[in-house]
């Protein structure tokens, strides 16, 4: 597992620009990966 921290909330990392749609999609995945259920699930290396 990879653990990354930032000084700001995820939503503040990229607030506007050409890749806003892509970032919002990535943000959704990152939030999912922070969930207890996801972290408790065994994943393939």
Protein backbone atom coordinates (compact mmCIF):
# COMPACT_ATOMS: atom_id res chain seq x y z
CA UNK A 1 0.00 0.00 0.00
CA UNK A 2 1.06 3.53 -0.71
CA UNK A 3 0.37 6.30 1.78
CA UNK A 4 0.60 9.92 0.68
CA UNK A 5 -0.16 13.06 2.64
CA UNK A 6 -0.77 16.65 1.61
CA UNK A 7 -1.06 19.92 3.50
CA UNK A 8 -4.45 20.67 1.92
CA UNK A 9 -7.66 18.74 1.33
CA UNK A 10 -7.82 16.60 -1.81
CA UNK A 11 -10.34 18.98 -3.36
CA UNK A 12 -7.81 21.82 -3.08
CA UNK A 13 -5.02 20.10 -4.99
CA UNK A 14 -6.47 21.01 -8.40
CA UNK A 15 -9.25 23.59 -8.45
CA UNK A 16 -9.60 24.50 -12.13
CA UNK A 17 -8.10 23.82 -15.50
CA UNK A 18 -8.28 21.67 -18.59
CA UNK A 19 -8.08 18.42 -16.63
CA UNK A 20 -10.82 19.25 -14.12
CA UNK A 21 -13.04 16.34 -15.23
CA UNK A 22 -10.15 13.88 -15.03
CA UNK A 23 -9.10 15.18 -11.62
CA UNK A 24 -12.64 14.87 -10.23
CA UNK A 25 -12.73 11.27 -11.42
CA UNK A 26 -9.34 10.59 -9.82
CA UNK A 27 -10.53 12.32 -6.65
CA UNK A 28 -13.48 9.94 -6.47
CA UNK A 29 -11.12 6.95 -6.68
CA UNK A 30 -8.80 8.39 -4.04
CA UNK A 31 -11.71 8.89 -1.65
CA UNK A 32 -12.84 5.31 -2.27
CA UNK A 33 -9.34 4.05 -1.49
CA UNK A 34 -9.44 5.86 1.87
CA UNK A 35 -12.50 3.94 3.01
CA UNK A 36 -12.23 1.39 5.80
CA UNK A 37 -13.68 -1.34 3.55
CA UNK A 38 -11.12 -0.72 0.83
CA UNK A 39 -8.19 -0.62 3.26
CA UNK A 40 -9.36 -3.84 4.93
CA UNK A 41 -9.55 -5.70 1.60
CA UNK A 42 -6.54 -7.74 0.54
CA UNK A 43 -5.23 -6.62 -2.85
CA UNK A 44 -2.94 -8.30 -5.32
CA UNK A 45 0.62 -6.94 -5.45
